[in-house]
Protein backbone atom coordinates (compact mmCIF):
# COMPACT_ATOMS: atom_id res chain seq x y z
CA MET A 1 -49.03 -31.72 -80.00
CA SER A 2 -50.37 -28.09 -79.44
CA MET A 3 -51.79 -26.32 -82.27
CA THR A 4 -50.30 -23.07 -83.54
CA LYS A 5 -51.65 -19.65 -84.01
CA ALA A 6 -51.59 -19.93 -87.91
CA GLU A 7 -53.13 -23.62 -87.72
CA VAL A 8 -56.10 -21.92 -85.60
CA LEU A 9 -56.52 -19.27 -88.15
CA ALA A 10 -57.02 -21.79 -90.47
CA LEU A 11 -59.24 -24.40 -89.24
CA LEU A 12 -61.35 -21.13 -88.22
CA LYS A 13 -61.89 -20.19 -91.92
CA ASN A 14 -62.76 -23.90 -93.07
CA ASN A 15 -65.10 -23.40 -90.62
CA ARG A 16 -66.39 -19.98 -91.85
CA ASP A 17 -70.74 -19.04 -91.93
CA GLU A 18 -71.17 -16.76 -94.95
CA ARG A 19 -74.55 -15.77 -93.06
CA GLY A 20 -72.91 -15.28 -90.05
CA THR A 21 -70.27 -12.87 -91.74
CA THR A 22 -73.86 -11.10 -93.46
CA TYR A 23 -74.61 -10.33 -90.21
CA TRP A 24 -70.78 -9.36 -88.86
CA GLN A 25 -71.34 -6.76 -91.36
CA ARG A 26 -73.74 -4.96 -90.07
CA GLN A 27 -72.49 -4.38 -86.67
CA ALA A 28 -70.15 -2.24 -85.83
CA SER A 29 -66.85 -3.85 -85.47
CA THR A 30 -63.04 -2.80 -85.93
CA LEU A 31 -62.62 -7.11 -85.98
CA LYS A 32 -62.97 -8.87 -89.24
CA SER A 33 -64.95 -12.32 -88.15
CA TYR A 34 -65.80 -15.65 -89.96
CA GLY A 35 -69.41 -15.41 -88.56
CA ILE A 36 -68.56 -18.46 -86.91
CA GLY A 37 -71.58 -18.91 -83.96
CA LEU A 38 -70.29 -19.53 -80.39
CA THR A 39 -71.91 -23.25 -80.12
CA VAL A 40 -69.43 -24.14 -82.67
CA LEU A 41 -66.43 -21.93 -81.27
CA ARG A 42 -66.61 -23.76 -78.43
CA LYS A 43 -66.55 -27.06 -79.93
CA LEU A 44 -63.78 -25.76 -81.61
CA ALA A 45 -62.19 -24.56 -78.27
CA LYS A 46 -62.53 -28.04 -77.20
CA GLN A 47 -60.56 -29.40 -79.65
CA ILE A 48 -58.12 -27.00 -79.40
CA GLY A 49 -56.99 -27.70 -76.08
CA ARG A 50 -56.15 -25.48 -73.10
CA ASP A 51 -52.87 -23.29 -73.83
CA HIS A 52 -52.20 -20.33 -72.31
CA LYS A 53 -49.76 -19.16 -74.76
CA LEU A 54 -51.56 -19.88 -77.67
CA ALA A 55 -54.24 -17.48 -76.38
CA ARG A 56 -52.36 -14.85 -75.40
CA GLN A 57 -51.01 -15.24 -79.30
CA LEU A 58 -54.95 -15.55 -80.54
CA TRP A 59 -55.83 -12.29 -78.20
CA LYS A 60 -54.01 -10.18 -80.06
CA SER A 61 -55.27 -11.18 -83.66
CA ASP A 62 -57.64 -8.74 -85.30
CA CYS A 63 -60.25 -11.80 -85.53
CA TYR A 64 -63.19 -11.85 -83.69
CA ASP A 65 -63.25 -15.45 -83.93
CA ALA A 66 -59.91 -15.78 -82.83
CA LYS A 67 -60.29 -13.56 -79.88
CA VAL A 68 -63.11 -15.72 -78.32
CA ILE A 69 -61.07 -18.76 -78.64
CA ALA A 70 -58.28 -16.91 -76.83
CA LEU A 71 -60.97 -16.84 -73.61
CA LEU A 72 -61.97 -20.49 -73.89
CA ILE A 73 -58.73 -22.16 -74.63
CA ASP A 74 -56.57 -19.58 -71.86
CA ASP A 75 -55.55 -21.80 -68.70
CA PRO A 76 -57.19 -20.07 -65.71
CA LYS A 77 -54.08 -21.25 -63.67
CA GLN A 78 -51.90 -18.96 -65.95
CA ILE A 79 -54.34 -16.43 -66.13
CA THR A 80 -52.54 -13.16 -63.82
CA ARG A 81 -55.18 -10.24 -63.11
CA LYS A 82 -52.81 -7.86 -64.99
CA GLN A 83 -53.50 -9.69 -68.15
CA VAL A 84 -57.25 -9.51 -67.39
CA GLU A 85 -57.64 -5.86 -66.79
CA GLU A 86 -55.88 -5.46 -69.88
CA GLN A 87 -57.98 -7.21 -71.48
CA VAL A 88 -61.38 -5.81 -70.29
CA ASP A 89 -59.58 -2.57 -71.40
CA GLN A 90 -59.69 -3.99 -75.40
CA LEU A 91 -63.27 -4.29 -75.36
CA ALA A 92 -64.78 -0.89 -76.11
CA ASP A 93 -66.13 -1.82 -79.12
CA GLY A 94 -68.42 -4.44 -77.03
CA MET A 95 -68.49 -7.28 -79.59
CA LEU A 96 -66.59 -9.75 -77.07
CA LEU A 97 -68.03 -8.60 -73.97
CA HIS A 98 -70.85 -11.30 -73.69
CA VAL A 99 -68.35 -13.69 -74.11
CA PHE A 100 -65.48 -12.37 -71.74
CA ALA A 101 -67.19 -12.98 -68.30
CA SER A 102 -69.07 -15.83 -69.12
CA CYS A 103 -69.97 -18.08 -71.68
CA GLY A 104 -67.42 -20.70 -71.01
CA SER A 105 -64.74 -18.10 -70.47
CA THR A 106 -61.64 -18.87 -68.70
CA VAL A 107 -61.61 -15.73 -66.23
CA ALA A 108 -64.81 -16.66 -64.34
CA LYS A 109 -62.54 -19.60 -63.63
CA ALA A 110 -59.27 -18.08 -62.00
CA PRO A 111 -58.62 -18.17 -58.46
CA PHE A 112 -59.44 -14.41 -58.39
CA ALA A 113 -62.38 -14.19 -60.31
CA PHE A 114 -64.34 -13.16 -56.99
CA GLN A 115 -62.30 -10.73 -56.06
CA ILE A 116 -62.06 -8.90 -59.18
CA ALA A 117 -66.06 -9.21 -59.55
CA ASP A 118 -66.43 -7.65 -56.32
CA ASP A 119 -63.81 -4.52 -57.32
CA TRP A 120 -65.05 -4.25 -61.12
CA MET A 121 -69.35 -3.93 -59.83
CA SER A 122 -68.15 -1.10 -57.76
CA SER A 123 -65.64 0.42 -60.64
CA ASP A 124 -66.85 3.98 -62.21
CA ASP A 125 -66.15 2.11 -65.41
CA SER A 126 -69.34 0.69 -67.09
CA VAL A 127 -67.62 -1.73 -68.74
CA ARG A 128 -66.10 -3.35 -65.47
CA ARG A 129 -69.00 -3.18 -63.88
CA ARG A 130 -71.17 -4.80 -66.84
CA CYS A 131 -67.73 -7.76 -66.29
CA GLY A 132 -68.63 -7.81 -62.83
CA TYR A 133 -71.88 -8.69 -62.45
CA SER A 134 -71.76 -11.08 -65.09
CA LEU A 135 -68.93 -13.00 -63.70
CA LEU A 136 -70.95 -12.96 -60.25
CA TYR A 137 -74.01 -14.73 -62.27
CA GLU A 138 -70.88 -17.10 -63.41
CA LEU A 139 -70.05 -17.81 -59.92
CA SER A 140 -73.46 -17.90 -58.28
CA LYS A 141 -73.11 -21.08 -59.89
CA LYS A 142 -70.05 -22.10 -57.22
CA ASN A 143 -69.05 -21.78 -54.10
CA PRO A 144 -65.60 -19.28 -53.78
CA LYS A 145 -64.08 -18.14 -50.49
CA GLY A 146 -66.16 -14.97 -49.32
CA MET A 147 -70.06 -14.97 -51.27
CA ASP A 148 -71.83 -16.29 -48.90
CA ASP A 149 -75.74 -15.41 -47.89
CA GLU A 150 -74.62 -12.36 -46.35
CA TYR A 151 -72.61 -11.00 -49.02
CA LEU A 152 -75.39 -11.60 -51.61
CA MET A 153 -78.11 -10.17 -49.48
CA LYS A 154 -76.23 -6.78 -49.86
CA ARG A 155 -75.80 -7.51 -53.61
CA ILE A 156 -79.38 -7.76 -53.99
CA GLU A 157 -79.85 -4.75 -52.22
CA LYS A 158 -77.37 -2.91 -53.91
CA ILE A 159 -78.81 -4.39 -57.49
CA VAL A 160 -82.64 -2.76 -56.50
CA ASP A 161 -80.81 0.73 -55.45
CA SER A 162 -79.05 1.26 -58.89
CA ILE A 163 -80.44 -0.68 -61.42
CA VAL A 164 -82.51 1.97 -62.83
CA GLY A 165 -80.00 4.67 -63.38
CA GLU A 166 -77.62 1.97 -64.89
CA GLU A 167 -76.51 1.79 -68.52
CA MET A 168 -78.72 -0.72 -70.72
CA TRP A 169 -76.04 -3.81 -70.48
CA VAL A 170 -75.00 -3.13 -66.63
CA ARG A 171 -78.80 -3.58 -66.12
CA GLU A 172 -78.90 -7.22 -68.37
CA ALA A 173 -76.01 -7.61 -66.47
CA MET A 174 -77.43 -7.21 -62.86
CA ALA A 175 -80.72 -8.87 -64.09
CA THR A 176 -78.80 -11.91 -64.47
CA ALA A 177 -76.77 -11.84 -61.43
CA LEU A 178 -80.11 -11.41 -59.45
CA MET A 179 -81.51 -14.40 -61.17
CA GLY A 180 -78.38 -16.67 -60.77
CA ILE A 181 -78.48 -15.56 -56.76
CA GLY A 182 -81.82 -16.57 -56.52
CA LYS A 183 -81.67 -19.79 -57.79
CA ARG A 184 -78.78 -21.15 -54.56
CA ASN A 185 -81.12 -21.24 -52.15
CA ARG A 186 -84.84 -21.34 -50.08
CA LYS A 187 -83.61 -17.91 -48.48
CA LEU A 188 -81.71 -16.09 -51.55
CA ASN A 189 -85.16 -17.15 -53.99
CA ILE A 190 -87.40 -15.60 -52.20
CA THR A 191 -85.40 -12.19 -51.51
CA ALA A 192 -84.33 -12.47 -55.08
CA ILE A 193 -88.09 -12.42 -56.29
CA ARG A 194 -89.45 -9.68 -53.98
CA ALA A 195 -86.57 -7.55 -55.76
CA ALA A 196 -87.20 -8.62 -59.27
CA LYS A 197 -90.72 -7.41 -57.99
CA LYS A 198 -89.53 -4.20 -57.29
CA ILE A 199 -87.45 -4.02 -59.84
CA GLY A 200 -90.32 -4.85 -62.70
CA PRO A 201 -89.66 -5.50 -66.46
CA ILE A 202 -86.11 -5.17 -67.89
CA ASP A 203 -85.92 -3.36 -71.09
CA VAL A 204 -83.26 -4.22 -73.51
CA ASP A 205 -83.28 -3.07 -76.66
CA TYR A 206 -81.07 -6.25 -78.53
CA GLY A 207 -81.50 -4.59 -81.99
CA ASN A 208 -82.75 -6.43 -85.00
CA ASP A 209 -81.14 -9.45 -83.26
CA ASN A 210 -84.71 -11.38 -83.20
CA THR A 211 -83.21 -14.86 -81.75
CA CYS A 212 -82.48 -12.94 -77.64
CA GLU A 213 -85.55 -12.96 -75.96
CA PRO A 214 -85.83 -10.10 -73.08
CA LEU A 215 -84.94 -11.32 -69.69
CA ASP A 216 -87.51 -12.42 -67.46
CA VAL A 217 -85.74 -12.82 -64.34
CA LEU A 218 -89.18 -13.06 -62.12
CA LYS A 219 -90.29 -15.63 -64.52
CA HIS A 220 -87.13 -18.15 -64.21
CA LEU A 221 -87.07 -17.62 -60.26
CA THR A 222 -90.80 -18.68 -59.85
CA SER A 223 -90.41 -21.27 -62.27
CA ASP A 224 -91.92 -24.64 -61.64
CA THR A 225 -88.18 -26.32 -61.35
CA MET A 226 -87.51 -23.53 -58.88
CA LYS A 227 -90.43 -24.30 -56.75
CA LYS A 228 -89.71 -27.81 -56.59
CA ARG A 229 -86.08 -27.42 -55.78
CA PHE A 230 -87.14 -25.19 -52.78
CA ALA A 231 -90.25 -27.01 -51.96
CA THR A 232 -90.26 -27.00 -47.74
């Protein structure tokens, strides 16, 4: 039986994390939160199950945790581009950006995910560009129609040419996408390594969150695992 919005909110309240709420209170967000970590929210989302109608209701909540649950339980076969475009316009305060296009979000599983990623990466809106490159990273694990080696080679060129002038979080998303592309096959791995060397270190200020380590694309692409995978 499907859960109601009230039942989900009660479930979130029962899983309140005091340490998380203390951290949240230091954030400049208009949303309230029970301070629940993403790992726990994912487990709760599996417990709740896919539910498009419930996801739409939870998205309208003023609770961060409820909105994350909405992104995780929505049905990729029922979400529409109009819905996603409306949602991305509501990410302005930044707290939901890291979940919206990755971290198991259903947007990356939608039939139109590749097309919207391609459009957003060329958008004048930095939020959409960040989400577009985050989607590209998620899609790099799959084989959507149109995302062949030729397309990805051109995307690597675009990243190299424009990453320096981008906003910080878009740079991080670009670097993540580059890492994902470079893990697909030997040809892309070699090209992505060259690009990572040319770009150099990606400077990202994670503030006081010491749990986040700087993203080292080159380290990932030249790891022993990658060397074994693409050994000739």
